[in-house]
């Protein structure tokens, strides 16, 4: 009887080929997944850009409408009735929400600069205004926000990179809502000073406006860091509060950065600590657009008017075009340069 012999020649080759097939399959699947993911990311980025541009177009249209006819702007909310979808090639584009708020409450400024003033009209309409809260921090270019530990009135040559800057302020009472400036209101109703983001030691976070004409109060240097007064939604790290007479008087607030620019919010509060919207100061326009399944939301703040900077100028002398030539003479010896 013939016996069968085990012949295992080629078994190793079969195992090697099988492993190679598995490795190649894994590489192929991984590469295909990477290609698909890159394609999806590129498509999402393209659609995100389209959605952002669509939202910006809606906002630009509203801003142009307002500038052409300021009286035409009104509160608007289309979120419950989005615009119909239209097609741009293979993409479906839709403005899903448009909100226009003519009195958005807290006034927001992305950058209060050191070389120019930011002027705010604070008109509470028929609501009695109890407090004005200014809250601020470094602009978005800073990596951190650190409060100062120096005493009030100590002005260093420069701040550390992450220290929150100071803000010069001038708060001027105009009078009852709808009033205009008078000589007496400018002379008797101005409170000026420096907002100082201080922590540690003795901290003064509030001043009383009723003391505005006390001879020893001005200029006021105050401010604090940490918890802001109740009613201030999403405050920045530094804050300062002016306690007002409880009435519906209007004010003009002038802010200018010291050392560095700052992000600022200005909040009005009533006697119960509820936010008070300021009319005719800022308009909030928010638009949301969708491209297929990608959504972009943009919100901007537009000045409701152009308050004349001449009312509270940046300096005692404002020079345009040719500039100002200063002539200085000293005694006993004086040198006068020609051309001035």
C-alpha atoms as a PDB file:
ATOM      1  CA  UNK A   1       0.000   0.000   0.000  1.00  0.00           C
ATOM      2  CA  UNK A   2       1.336   3.382  -1.038  1.00  0.00           C
ATOM      3  CA  UNK A   3       1.760   5.950   1.746  1.00  0.00           C
ATOM      4  CA  UNK A   4       0.989   9.677   1.229  1.00  0.00           C
ATOM      5  CA  UNK A   5       3.753  12.061   2.210  1.00  0.00           C
ATOM      6  CA  UNK A   6       3.056  15.498   3.703  1.00  0.00           C
ATOM      7  CA  UNK A   7       4.404  18.117   1.329  1.00  0.00           C
ATOM      8  CA  UNK A   8       4.435  21.532   3.007  1.00  0.00           C
ATOM      9  CA  UNK A   9       6.399  23.255   0.304  1.00  0.00           C
ATOM     10  CA  UNK A  10       4.780  26.641  -0.540  1.00  0.00           C
ATOM     11  CA  UNK A  11       2.986  27.045   2.807  1.00  0.00           C
ATOM     12  CA  UNK A  12       5.308  29.842   3.827  1.00  0.00           C
ATOM     13  CA  UNK A  13       4.705  31.566   0.504  1.00  0.00           C
ATOM     14  CA  UNK A  14       0.946  31.368   1.016  1.00  0.00           C
ATOM     15  CA  UNK A  15       1.272  32.922   4.474  1.00  0.00           C
ATOM     16  CA  UNK A  16       3.506  35.708   3.182  1.00  0.00           C
ATOM     17  CA  UNK A  17       1.144  36.469   0.285  1.00  0.00           C
ATOM     18  CA  UNK A  18      -1.847  36.529   2.660  1.00  0.00           C
ATOM     19  CA  UNK A  19      -0.083  38.951   5.005  1.00  0.00           C
ATOM     20  CA  UNK A  20       0.926  41.165   2.097  1.00  0.00           C
ATOM     21  CA  UNK A  21      -2.666  41.225   0.820  1.00  0.00           C
ATOM     22  CA  UNK A  22      -3.896  42.231   4.278  1.00  0.00           C
ATOM     23  CA  UNK A  23      -1.270  44.981   4.592  1.00  0.00           C
ATOM     24  CA  UNK A  24      -2.014  46.332   1.122  1.00  0.00           C
ATOM     25  CA  UNK A  25      -5.751  46.238   1.854  1.00  0.00           C
ATOM     26  CA  UNK A  26      -5.269  48.183   5.104  1.00  0.00           C
ATOM     27  CA  UNK A  27      -3.081  50.762   3.330  1.00  0.00           C
ATOM     28  CA  UNK A  28      -5.645  51.114   0.530  1.00  0.00           C
ATOM     29  CA  UNK A  29      -8.570  51.542   2.927  1.00  0.00           C
ATOM     30  CA  UNK A  30      -6.624  54.034   5.054  1.00  0.00           C
ATOM     31  CA  UNK A  31      -5.582  56.051   2.008  1.00  0.00           C
ATOM     32  CA  UNK A  32      -9.163  56.078   0.699  1.00  0.00           C
ATOM     33  CA  UNK A  33     -10.412  57.271   4.101  1.00  0.00           C
ATOM     34  CA  UNK A  34      -7.806  60.032   4.166  1.00  0.00           C
ATOM     35  CA  UNK A  35      -8.768  61.152   0.677  1.00  0.00           C
ATOM     36  CA  UNK A  36     -12.448  61.125   1.630  1.00  0.00           C
ATOM     37  CA  UNK A  37     -11.768  63.096   4.816  1.00  0.00           C
ATOM     38  CA  UNK A  38      -9.639  65.676   2.990  1.00  0.00           C
ATOM     39  CA  UNK A  39     -12.350  66.017   0.368  1.00  0.00           C
ATOM     40  CA  UNK A  40     -14.979  66.514   3.061  1.00  0.00           C
ATOM     41  CA  UNK A  41     -12.863  69.082   4.884  1.00  0.00           C
ATOM     42  CA  UNK A  42     -12.269  71.023   1.668  1.00  0.00           C
ATOM     43  CA  UNK A  43     -15.998  70.927   0.897  1.00  0.00           C
ATOM     44  CA  UNK A  44     -16.901  72.056   4.429  1.00  0.00           C
ATOM     45  CA  UNK A  45     -14.420  74.915   4.189  1.00  0.00           C
ATOM     46  CA  UNK A  46     -15.828  75.991   0.838  1.00  0.00           C
ATOM     47  CA  UNK A  47     -19.407  75.844   2.113  1.00  0.00           C
ATOM     48  CA  UNK A  48     -18.432  77.611   5.338  1.00  0.00           C
ATOM     49  CA  UNK A  49     -16.971  80.450   3.268  1.00  0.00           C
ATOM     50  CA  UNK A  50     -20.123  80.570   1.144  1.00  0.00           C
ATOM     51  CA  UNK A  51     -22.311  80.699   4.253  1.00  0.00           C
ATOM     52  CA  UNK A  52     -20.179  83.448   5.818  1.00  0.00           C
ATOM     53  CA  UNK A  53     -20.315  85.501   2.620  1.00  0.00           C
ATOM     54  CA  UNK A  54     -24.080  85.034   2.433  1.00  0.00           C
ATOM     55  CA  UNK A  55     -24.476  86.236   6.041  1.00  0.00           C
ATOM     56  CA  UNK A  56     -22.162  89.186   5.398  1.00  0.00           C
ATOM     57  CA  UNK A  57     -24.172  90.103   2.298  1.00  0.00           C
ATOM     58  CA  UNK A  58     -27.368  90.246   4.352  1.00  0.00           C
ATOM     59  CA  UNK A  59     -25.681  92.425   6.996  1.00  0.00           C
ATOM     60  CA  UNK A  60     -24.134  94.721   4.364  1.00  0.00           C
ATOM     61  CA  UNK A  61     -27.565  95.150   2.778  1.00  0.00           C
ATOM     62  CA  UNK A  62     -29.099  96.133   6.133  1.00  0.00           C
ATOM     63  CA  UNK A  63     -26.253  98.544   6.935  1.00  0.00           C
ATOM     64  CA  UNK A  64     -26.568 100.173   3.505  1.00  0.00           C
ATOM     65  CA  UNK A  65     -30.330 100.472   4.008  1.00  0.00           C
ATOM     66  CA  UNK A  66     -29.800 102.118   7.396  1.00  0.00           C
ATOM     67  CA  UNK A  67     -27.192 104.575   6.133  1.00  0.00           C
ATOM     68  CA  UNK A  68     -29.371 105.539   3.193  1.00  0.00           C
ATOM     69  CA  UNK A  69     -32.405 106.116   5.416  1.00  0.00           C
ATOM     70  CA  UNK A  70     -31.682 105.980   9.167  1.00  0.00           C
ATOM     71  CA  UNK A  71     -35.364 106.310  10.048  1.00  0.00           C
ATOM     72  CA  UNK A  72     -36.180 103.127   8.131  1.00  0.00           C
ATOM     73  CA  UNK A  73     -34.375 100.786  10.492  1.00  0.00           C
ATOM     74  CA  UNK A  74     -36.616  98.896  12.911  1.00  0.00           C
ATOM     75  CA  UNK A  75     -36.529  95.831  15.109  1.00  0.00           C
ATOM     76  CA  UNK A  76     -36.719  92.675  13.019  1.00  0.00           C
ATOM     77  CA  UNK A  77     -36.685  88.934  13.663  1.00  0.00           C
ATOM     78  CA  UNK A  78     -37.107  86.498  10.766  1.00  0.00           C
ATOM     79  CA  UNK A  79     -35.946  83.371  12.611  1.00  0.00           C
ATOM     80  CA  UNK A  80     -39.454  81.908  12.617  1.00  0.00           C
ATOM     81  CA  UNK A  81     -39.843  82.473   8.885  1.00  0.00           C
ATOM     82  CA  UNK A  82     -36.505  81.838   7.134  1.00  0.00           C
ATOM     83  CA  UNK A  83     -36.014  82.881   3.535  1.00  0.00           C
ATOM     84  CA  UNK A  84     -36.563  80.327   0.817  1.00  0.00           C
ATOM     85  CA  UNK A  85     -33.617  78.238  -0.327  1.00  0.00           C
ATOM     86  CA  UNK A  86     -31.941  79.093  -3.619  1.00  0.00           C
ATOM     87  CA  UNK A  87     -29.418  77.049  -5.521  1.00  0.00           C
ATOM     88  CA  UNK A  88     -25.926  78.034  -6.567  1.00  0.00           C
ATOM     89  CA  UNK A  89     -24.857  75.138  -8.721  1.00  0.00           C
ATOM     90  CA  UNK A  90     -24.853  72.091  -6.458  1.00  0.00           C
ATOM     91  CA  UNK A  91     -25.142  74.113  -3.212  1.00  0.00           C
ATOM     92  CA  UNK A  92     -28.359  75.144  -1.496  1.00  0.00           C
ATOM     93  CA  UNK A  93     -28.007  78.553   0.172  1.00  0.00           C
ATOM     94  CA  UNK A  94     -30.474  79.958   2.682  1.00  0.00           C
ATOM     95  CA  UNK A  95     -30.617  82.871   5.120  1.00  0.00           C
ATOM     96  CA  UNK A  96     -32.158  81.128   8.080  1.00  0.00           C
ATOM     97  CA  UNK A  97     -32.269  84.034  10.548  1.00  0.00           C
ATOM     98  CA  UNK A  98     -31.983  87.829  10.614  1.00  0.00           C
ATOM     99  CA  UNK A  99     -32.269  89.791  13.872  1.00  0.00           C
ATOM    100  CA  UNK A 100     -32.117  93.585  14.056  1.00  0.00           C
ATOM    101  CA  UNK A 101     -32.163  95.142  17.527  1.00  0.00           C
ATOM    102  CA  UNK A 102     -32.214  98.937  17.653  1.00  0.00           C
ATOM    103  CA  UNK A 103     -31.579  99.002  21.428  1.00  0.00           C
ATOM    104  CA  UNK A 104     -29.452  95.922  22.195  1.00  0.00           C
ATOM    105  CA  UNK A 105     -28.795  96.730  25.854  1.00  0.00           C
ATOM    106  CA  UNK A 106     -25.089  96.584  26.716  1.00  0.00           C
ATOM    107  CA  UNK A 107     -22.956  98.602  24.332  1.00  0.00           C
ATOM    108  CA  UNK A 108     -19.993  96.626  23.028  1.00  0.00           C
ATOM    109  CA  UNK A 109     -16.750  97.977  21.585  1.00  0.00           C
ATOM    110  CA  UNK A 110     -14.101  95.644  20.192  1.00  0.00           C
ATOM    111  CA  UNK A 111     -11.354  98.223  20.584  1.00  0.00           C
ATOM    112  CA  UNK A 112     -11.218 101.424  22.621  1.00  0.00           C
ATOM    113  CA  UNK A 113      -8.016 102.881  21.245  1.00  0.00           C
ATOM    114  CA  UNK A 114      -5.266 104.949  22.826  1.00  0.00           C
ATOM    115  CA  UNK A 115      -5.086 107.478  19.993  1.00  0.00           C
ATOM    116  CA  UNK A 116      -8.789 108.168  19.548  1.00  0.00           C
ATOM    117  CA  UNK A 117     -11.846 108.516  21.739  1.00  0.00           C
ATOM    118  CA  UNK A 118     -14.918 106.296  21.738  1.00  0.00           C
ATOM    119  CA  UNK A 119     -18.066 108.307  22.450  1.00  0.00           C
ATOM    120  CA  UNK A 120     -21.297 106.680  23.656  1.00  0.00           C
ATOM    121  CA  UNK A 121     -24.740 108.211  23.958  1.00  0.00           C
ATOM    122  CA  UNK A 122     -26.412 106.791  27.062  1.00  0.00           C
ATOM    123  CA  UNK A 123     -30.127 107.545  26.698  1.00  0.00           C
ATOM    124  CA  UNK A 124     -32.351 105.260  28.830  1.00  0.00           C
ATOM    125  CA  UNK A 125     -35.563 106.643  27.265  1.00  0.00           C
ATOM    126  CA  UNK A 126     -38.337 106.348  29.867  1.00  0.00           C
ATOM    127  CA  UNK A 127     -36.461 103.970  32.210  1.00  0.00           C
ATOM    128  CA  UNK A 128     -34.854 105.331  35.364  1.00  0.00           C
ATOM    129  CA  UNK A 129     -31.124 104.684  35.260  1.00  0.00           C
ATOM    130  CA  UNK A 130     -29.504 103.720  38.558  1.00  0.00           C
ATOM    131  CA  UNK A 131     -25.977 102.643  37.595  1.00  0.00           C
ATOM    132  CA  UNK A 132     -23.564 102.653  34.698  1.00  0.00           C
ATOM    133  CA  UNK A 133     -21.085  99.777  34.674  1.00  0.00           C
ATOM    134  CA  UNK A 134     -17.994  99.798  32.452  1.00  0.00           C
ATOM    135  CA  UNK A 135     -16.325  96.399  32.135  1.00  0.00           C
ATOM    136  CA  UNK A 136     -13.190  95.823  30.087  1.00  0.00           C
ATOM    137  CA  UNK A 137     -10.238  93.577  29.267  1.00  0.00           C
ATOM    138  CA  UNK A 138      -7.395  93.352  26.770  1.00  0.00           C
ATOM    139  CA  UNK A 139      -8.239  93.063  23.096  1.00  0.00           C
ATOM    140  CA  UNK A 140      -8.279  89.665  21.408  1.00  0.00           C
ATOM    141  CA  UNK A 141      -4.628  90.064  20.334  1.00  0.00           C
ATOM    142  CA  UNK A 142      -3.506  89.586  23.955  1.00  0.00           C
ATOM    143  CA  UNK A 143      -2.809  86.076  25.226  1.00  0.00           C
ATOM    144  CA  UNK A 144      -4.026  86.688  28.773  1.00  0.00           C
ATOM    145  CA  UNK A 145      -5.690  89.187  31.125  1.00  0.00           C
ATOM    146  CA  UNK A 146      -3.940  90.087  34.373  1.00  0.00           C
ATOM    147  CA  UNK A 147      -5.186  92.725  36.807  1.00  0.00           C
ATOM    148  CA  UNK A 148      -2.862  95.353  38.238  1.00  0.00           C
ATOM    149  CA  UNK A 149      -1.733  95.334  41.870  1.00  0.00           C
ATOM    150  CA  UNK A 150      -0.392  98.906  41.867  1.00  0.00           C
ATOM    151  CA  UNK A 151      -2.086 101.497  44.030  1.00  0.00           C
ATOM    152  CA  UNK A 152      -4.443 103.988  42.426  1.00  0.00           C
ATOM    153  CA  UNK A 153      -2.605 106.872  40.824  1.00  0.00           C
ATOM    154  CA  UNK A 154       0.615 104.930  40.223  1.00  0.00           C
ATOM    155  CA  UNK A 155       1.331 105.199  36.503  1.00  0.00           C
ATOM    156  CA  UNK A 156       4.313 103.093  35.358  1.00  0.00           C
ATOM    157  CA  UNK A 157       6.329 103.795  32.246  1.00  0.00           C
ATOM    158  CA  UNK A 158       4.813 100.696  30.633  1.00  0.00           C
ATOM    159  CA  UNK A 159       2.586  97.747  31.490  1.00  0.00           C
ATOM    160  CA  UNK A 160       3.515  94.098  31.349  1.00  0.00           C
ATOM    161  CA  UNK A 161       2.338  92.346  28.199  1.00  0.00           C
ATOM    162  CA  UNK A 162      -0.722  90.678  29.778  1.00  0.00           C
ATOM    163  CA  UNK A 163      -1.720  93.441  32.202  1.00  0.00           C
ATOM    164  CA  UNK A 164      -5.101  95.023  31.514  1.00  0.00           C
ATOM    165  CA  UNK A 165      -4.835  98.637  30.422  1.00  0.00           C
ATOM    166  CA  UNK A 166      -6.338 101.669  32.099  1.00  0.00           C
ATOM    167  CA  UNK A 167      -9.045 103.799  30.505  1.00  0.00           C
ATOM    168  CA  UNK A 168      -9.548 107.539  30.703  1.00  0.00           C
ATOM    169  CA  UNK A 169     -13.226 108.440  30.981  1.00  0.00           C
ATOM    170  CA  UNK A 170     -15.416 111.557  30.907  1.00  0.00           C
ATOM    171  CA  UNK A 171     -19.075 111.149  31.896  1.00  0.00           C
ATOM    172  CA  UNK A 172     -21.221 114.203  31.175  1.00  0.00           C
ATOM    173  CA  UNK A 173     -24.855 114.623  32.138  1.00  0.00           C
ATOM    174  CA  UNK A 174     -27.047 115.884  29.314  1.00  0.00           C
ATOM    175  CA  UNK A 175     -30.417 116.033  31.091  1.00  0.00           C
ATOM    176  CA  UNK A 176     -33.766 114.272  30.760  1.00  0.00           C
ATOM    177  CA  UNK A 177     -34.118 111.900  27.798  1.00  0.00           C
ATOM    178  CA  UNK A 178     -34.251 113.869  24.573  1.00  0.00           C
ATOM    179  CA  UNK A 179     -32.445 116.910  25.998  1.00  0.00           C
ATOM    180  CA  UNK A 180     -29.415 118.612  24.472  1.00  0.00           C
ATOM    181  CA  UNK A 181     -26.253 120.070  25.937  1.00  0.00           C
ATOM    182  CA  UNK A 182     -26.196 123.362  27.756  1.00  0.00           C
ATOM    183  CA  UNK A 183     -23.293 125.365  29.135  1.00  0.00           C
ATOM    184  CA  UNK A 184     -24.371 124.618  32.687  1.00  0.00           C
ATOM    185  CA  UNK A 185     -24.709 120.868  32.083  1.00  0.00           C
ATOM    186  CA  UNK A 186     -21.203 120.754  30.658  1.00  0.00           C
ATOM    187  CA  UNK A 187     -19.809 122.828  33.517  1.00  0.00           C
ATOM    188  CA  UNK A 188     -21.613 121.182  36.422  1.00  0.00           C
ATOM    189  CA  UNK A 189     -22.318 117.664  35.226  1.00  0.00           C
ATOM    190  CA  UNK A 190     -18.923 116.299  34.149  1.00  0.00           C
ATOM    191  CA  UNK A 191     -17.194 113.463  35.987  1.00  0.00           C
ATOM    192  CA  UNK A 192     -13.697 112.622  34.761  1.00  0.00           C
ATOM    193  CA  UNK A 193     -10.924 110.280  35.749  1.00  0.00           C
ATOM    194  CA  UNK A 194      -9.203 106.964  35.130  1.00  0.00           C
ATOM    195  CA  UNK A 195     -10.575 103.434  35.284  1.00  0.00           C
ATOM    196  CA  UNK A 196      -7.921 101.308  36.987  1.00  0.00           C
ATOM    197  CA  UNK A 197      -8.190  97.464  36.961  1.00  0.00           C
ATOM    198  CA  UNK A 198      -6.956  96.955  40.532  1.00  0.00           C
ATOM    199  CA  UNK A 199      -6.913  93.850  42.681  1.00  0.00           C
ATOM    200  CA  UNK A 200      -5.572  93.358  46.197  1.00  0.00           C
ATOM    201  CA  UNK A 201      -5.350  95.878  49.007  1.00  0.00           C
ATOM    202  CA  UNK A 202      -7.953  98.636  49.211  1.00  0.00           C
ATOM    203  CA  UNK A 203     -10.192  98.477  46.140  1.00  0.00           C
ATOM    204  CA  UNK A 204     -12.744 101.102  45.127  1.00  0.00           C
ATOM    205  CA  UNK A 205     -15.023  99.735  42.448  1.00  0.00           C
ATOM    206  CA  UNK A 206     -17.784 102.376  42.672  1.00  0.00           C
ATOM    207  CA  UNK A 207     -18.040 106.170  42.708  1.00  0.00           C
ATOM    208  CA  UNK A 208     -21.137 108.279  43.334  1.00  0.00           C
ATOM    209  CA  UNK A 209     -22.087 110.718  40.607  1.00  0.00           C
ATOM    210  CA  UNK A 210     -23.861 112.981  43.111  1.00  0.00           C
ATOM    211  CA  UNK A 211     -20.413 113.977  44.401  1.00  0.00           C
ATOM    212  CA  UNK A 212     -19.379 115.259  40.978  1.00  0.00           C
ATOM    213  CA  UNK A 213     -18.937 118.864  42.154  1.00  0.00           C
ATOM    214  CA  UNK A 214     -17.036 118.045  45.346  1.00  0.00           C
ATOM    215  CA  UNK A 215     -13.673 119.818  45.047  1.00  0.00           C
ATOM    216  CA  UNK A 216     -11.642 116.825  46.210  1.00  0.00           C
ATOM    217  CA  UNK A 217     -13.207 114.084  44.091  1.00  0.00           C
ATOM    218  CA  UNK A 218     -11.876 114.828  40.620  1.00  0.00           C
ATOM    219  CA  UNK A 219     -10.130 113.349  38.817  1.00  0.00           C
ATOM    220  CA  UNK A 220     -11.542 110.021  40.011  1.00  0.00           C
ATOM    221  CA  UNK A 221      -9.294 106.957  39.882  1.00  0.00           C
ATOM    222  CA  UNK A 222     -11.143 103.736  40.634  1.00  0.00           C
ATOM    223  CA  UNK A 223     -11.914 100.258  39.357  1.00  0.00           C
ATOM    224  CA  UNK A 224     -11.782  96.616  40.399  1.00  0.00           C
ATOM    225  CA  UNK A 225     -11.274  93.084  39.119  1.00  0.00           C
ATOM    226  CA  UNK A 226     -13.365  89.997  39.672  1.00  0.00           C
ATOM    227  CA  UNK A 227     -17.119  89.705  40.140  1.00  0.00           C
ATOM    228  CA  UNK A 228     -19.048  92.487  38.445  1.00  0.00           C
ATOM    229  CA  UNK A 229     -22.375  93.787  39.811  1.00  0.00           C
ATOM    230  CA  UNK A 230     -25.357  91.475  39.451  1.00  0.00           C
ATOM    231  CA  UNK A 231     -27.236  92.078  36.223  1.00  0.00           C
ATOM    232  CA  UNK A 232     -24.120  92.475  34.070  1.00  0.00           C
ATOM    233  CA  UNK A 233     -24.255  89.551  31.651  1.00  0.00           C
ATOM    234  CA  UNK A 234     -20.947  88.001  30.593  1.00  0.00           C
ATOM    235  CA  UNK A 235     -18.707  90.751  32.033  1.00  0.00           C
ATOM    236  CA  UNK A 236     -15.026  91.166  31.342  1.00  0.00           C
ATOM    237  CA  UNK A 237     -12.472  90.816  34.133  1.00  0.00           C
ATOM    238  CA  UNK A 238     -12.154  94.506  35.073  1.00  0.00           C
ATOM    239  CA  UNK A 239     -15.129  96.666  35.985  1.00  0.00           C
ATOM    240  CA  UNK A 240     -16.054 100.086  37.381  1.00  0.00           C
ATOM    241  CA  UNK A 241     -19.465 101.347  38.483  1.00  0.00           C
ATOM    242  CA  UNK A 242     -20.882 104.881  38.606  1.00  0.00           C
ATOM    243  CA  UNK A 243     -23.812 105.192  41.023  1.00  0.00           C
ATOM    244  CA  UNK A 244     -26.286 107.657  39.496  1.00  0.00           C
ATOM    245  CA  UNK A 245     -29.278 109.614  40.732  1.00  0.00           C
ATOM    246  CA  UNK A 246     -32.288 107.423  39.972  1.00  0.00           C
ATOM    247  CA  UNK A 247     -33.888 109.187  37.002  1.00  0.00           C
ATOM    248  CA  UNK A 248     -34.031 108.966  33.217  1.00  0.00           C
ATOM    249  CA  UNK A 249     -31.315 111.532  32.537  1.00  0.00           C
ATOM    250  CA  UNK A 250     -29.124 110.972  29.502  1.00  0.00           C
ATOM    251  CA  UNK A 251     -25.332 110.999  29.565  1.00  0.00           C
ATOM    252  CA  UNK A 252     -22.435 111.104  27.149  1.00  0.00           C
ATOM    253  CA  UNK A 253     -19.519 108.789  27.941  1.00  0.00           C
ATOM    254  CA  UNK A 254     -16.109 109.323  26.418  1.00  0.00           C
ATOM    255  CA  UNK A 255     -13.533 106.517  26.688  1.00  0.00           C
ATOM    256  CA  UNK A 256      -9.896 106.434  25.627  1.00  0.00           C
ATOM    257  CA  UNK A 257      -7.310 103.757  26.311  1.00  0.00           C
ATOM    258  CA  UNK A 258      -4.207 104.374  28.415  1.00  0.00           C
ATOM    259  CA  UNK A 259      -1.106 102.262  27.622  1.00  0.00           C
ATOM    260  CA  UNK A 260      -3.081  99.848  25.403  1.00  0.00           C
ATOM    261  CA  UNK A 261      -6.398  99.336  23.659  1.00  0.00           C
ATOM    262  CA  UNK A 262      -9.207  97.441  25.391  1.00  0.00           C
ATOM    263  CA  UNK A 263     -12.416  95.571  24.687  1.00  0.00           C
ATOM    264  CA  UNK A 264     -15.220  97.371  26.504  1.00  0.00           C
ATOM    265  CA  UNK A 265     -18.852  96.836  27.444  1.00  0.00           C
ATOM    266  CA  UNK A 266     -21.030  99.633  28.840  1.00  0.00           C
ATOM    267  CA  UNK A 267     -24.052  98.413  30.807  1.00  0.00           C
ATOM    268  CA  UNK A 268     -26.918 100.393  32.312  1.00  0.00           C
ATOM    269  CA  UNK A 269     -28.829  99.022  35.305  1.00  0.00           C
ATOM    270  CA  UNK A 270     -32.115 100.056  36.889  1.00  0.00           C
ATOM    271  CA  UNK A 271     -32.860 100.080  40.625  1.00  0.00           C
ATOM    272  CA  UNK A 272     -33.638  96.329  40.556  1.00  0.00           C
ATOM    273  CA  UNK A 273     -30.353  95.479  38.837  1.00  0.00           C
ATOM    274  CA  UNK A 274     -31.966  94.760  35.465  1.00  0.00           C
ATOM    275  CA  UNK A 275     -30.165  95.820  32.273  1.00  0.00           C
ATOM    276  CA  UNK A 276     -31.363  99.071  30.704  1.00  0.00           C
ATOM    277  CA  UNK A 277     -31.143  99.344  26.902  1.00  0.00           C
ATOM    278  CA  UNK A 278     -29.780 102.609  25.519  1.00  0.00           C
ATOM    279  CA  UNK A 279     -31.647 104.040  22.564  1.00  0.00           C
ATOM    280  CA  UNK A 280     -30.052 105.723  19.552  1.00  0.00           C
ATOM    281  CA  UNK A 281     -26.585 104.462  20.461  1.00  0.00           C
ATOM    282  CA  UNK A 282     -25.910 101.119  18.750  1.00  0.00           C
ATOM    283  CA  UNK A 283     -27.783  98.791  16.446  1.00  0.00           C
ATOM    284  CA  UNK A 284     -27.164  95.049  16.604  1.00  0.00           C
ATOM    285  CA  UNK A 285     -27.509  93.134  13.333  1.00  0.00           C
ATOM    286  CA  UNK A 286     -27.219  89.351  13.432  1.00  0.00           C
ATOM    287  CA  UNK A 287     -27.479  87.103  10.387  1.00  0.00           C
ATOM    288  CA  UNK A 288     -27.350  83.314  10.058  1.00  0.00           C
ATOM    289  CA  UNK A 289     -26.867  81.618   6.686  1.00  0.00           C
ATOM    290  CA  UNK A 290     -26.822  77.936   5.732  1.00  0.00           C
ATOM    291  CA  UNK A 291     -25.174  76.173   2.809  1.00  0.00           C
ATOM    292  CA  UNK A 292     -26.347  72.562   2.697  1.00  0.00           C
ATOM    293  CA  UNK A 293     -25.562  71.418   6.265  1.00  0.00           C
ATOM    294  CA  UNK A 294     -22.972  74.116   7.121  1.00  0.00           C
ATOM    295  CA  UNK A 295     -24.153  77.134   9.149  1.00  0.00           C
ATOM    296  CA  UNK A 296     -22.432  80.484   9.811  1.00  0.00           C
ATOM    297  CA  UNK A 297     -23.663  83.177  12.242  1.00  0.00           C
ATOM    298  CA  UNK A 298     -22.331  86.751  12.240  1.00  0.00           C
ATOM    299  CA  UNK A 299     -23.219  89.633  14.541  1.00  0.00           C
ATOM    300  CA  UNK A 300     -22.089  93.237  14.164  1.00  0.00           C
ATOM    301  CA  UNK A 301     -22.680  96.445  16.096  1.00  0.00           C
ATOM    302  CA  UNK A 302     -23.350  99.563  14.039  1.00  0.00           C
ATOM    303  CA  UNK A 303     -23.349 103.094  15.514  1.00  0.00           C
ATOM    304  CA  UNK A 304     -26.901 104.418  15.517  1.00  0.00           C
ATOM    305  CA  UNK A 305     -25.577 107.886  14.763  1.00  0.00           C
ATOM    306  CA  UNK A 306     -22.423 109.943  14.468  1.00  0.00           C
ATOM    307  CA  UNK A 307     -22.039 111.907  17.706  1.00  0.00           C
ATOM    308  CA  UNK A 308     -19.938 115.019  17.054  1.00  0.00           C
ATOM    309  CA  UNK A 309     -16.468 114.559  18.509  1.00  0.00           C
ATOM    310  CA  UNK A 310     -16.260 118.331  18.899  1.00  0.00           C
ATOM    311  CA  UNK A 311     -18.542 118.058  21.953  1.00  0.00           C
ATOM    312  CA  UNK A 312     -15.906 116.116  23.896  1.00  0.00           C
ATOM    313  CA  UNK A 313     -12.730 116.391  21.801  1.00  0.00           C
ATOM    314  CA  UNK A 314      -9.546 114.404  22.252  1.00  0.00           C
ATOM    315  CA  UNK A 315      -7.650 117.521  23.269  1.00  0.00           C
ATOM    316  CA  UNK A 316      -8.018 121.203  24.025  1.00  0.00           C
ATOM    317  CA  UNK A 317      -6.746 122.035  20.526  1.00  0.00           C
ATOM    318  CA  UNK A 318      -7.714 120.091  17.420  1.00  0.00           C
ATOM    319  CA  UNK A 319      -5.531 120.724  14.388  1.00  0.00           C
ATOM    320  CA  UNK A 320      -6.180 119.571  10.833  1.00  0.00           C
ATOM    321  CA  UNK A 321      -4.224 119.651   7.578  1.00  0.00           C
ATOM    322  CA  UNK A 322      -1.220 121.953   8.074  1.00  0.00           C
ATOM    323  CA  UNK A 323      -0.669 121.114  11.732  1.00  0.00           C
ATOM    324  CA  UNK A 324       0.389 123.353  14.586  1.00  0.00           C
ATOM    325  CA  UNK A 325       3.712 125.154  14.937  1.00  0.00           C
ATOM    326  CA  UNK A 326       4.921 125.797  18.471  1.00  0.00           C
ATOM    327  CA  UNK A 327       7.172 128.760  19.174  1.00  0.00           C
ATOM    328  CA  UNK A 328       9.079 128.532  22.471  1.00  0.00           C
ATOM    329  CA  UNK A 329      11.263 131.322  23.844  1.00  0.00           C
ATOM    330  CA  UNK A 330      13.507 131.032  26.883  1.00  0.00           C
ATOM    331  CA  UNK A 331      15.247 133.665  28.922  1.00  0.00           C
ATOM    332  CA  UNK A 332      17.899 135.021  29.279  1.00  0.00           C
ATOM    333  CA  UNK A 333      19.112 133.362  26.076  1.00  0.00           C
ATOM    334  CA  UNK A 334      16.645 132.388  23.370  1.00  0.00           C
ATOM    335  CA  UNK A 335      17.027 130.721  20.001  1.00  0.00           C
ATOM    336  CA  UNK A 336      14.172 131.019  17.525  1.00  0.00           C
ATOM    337  CA  UNK A 337      14.200 128.675  14.584  1.00  0.00           C
ATOM    338  CA  UNK A 338      12.986 130.125  11.287  1.00  0.00           C
ATOM    339  CA  UNK A 339       9.946 128.731   9.557  1.00  0.00           C
ATOM    340  CA  UNK A 340       7.524 128.832  12.448  1.00  0.00           C
END
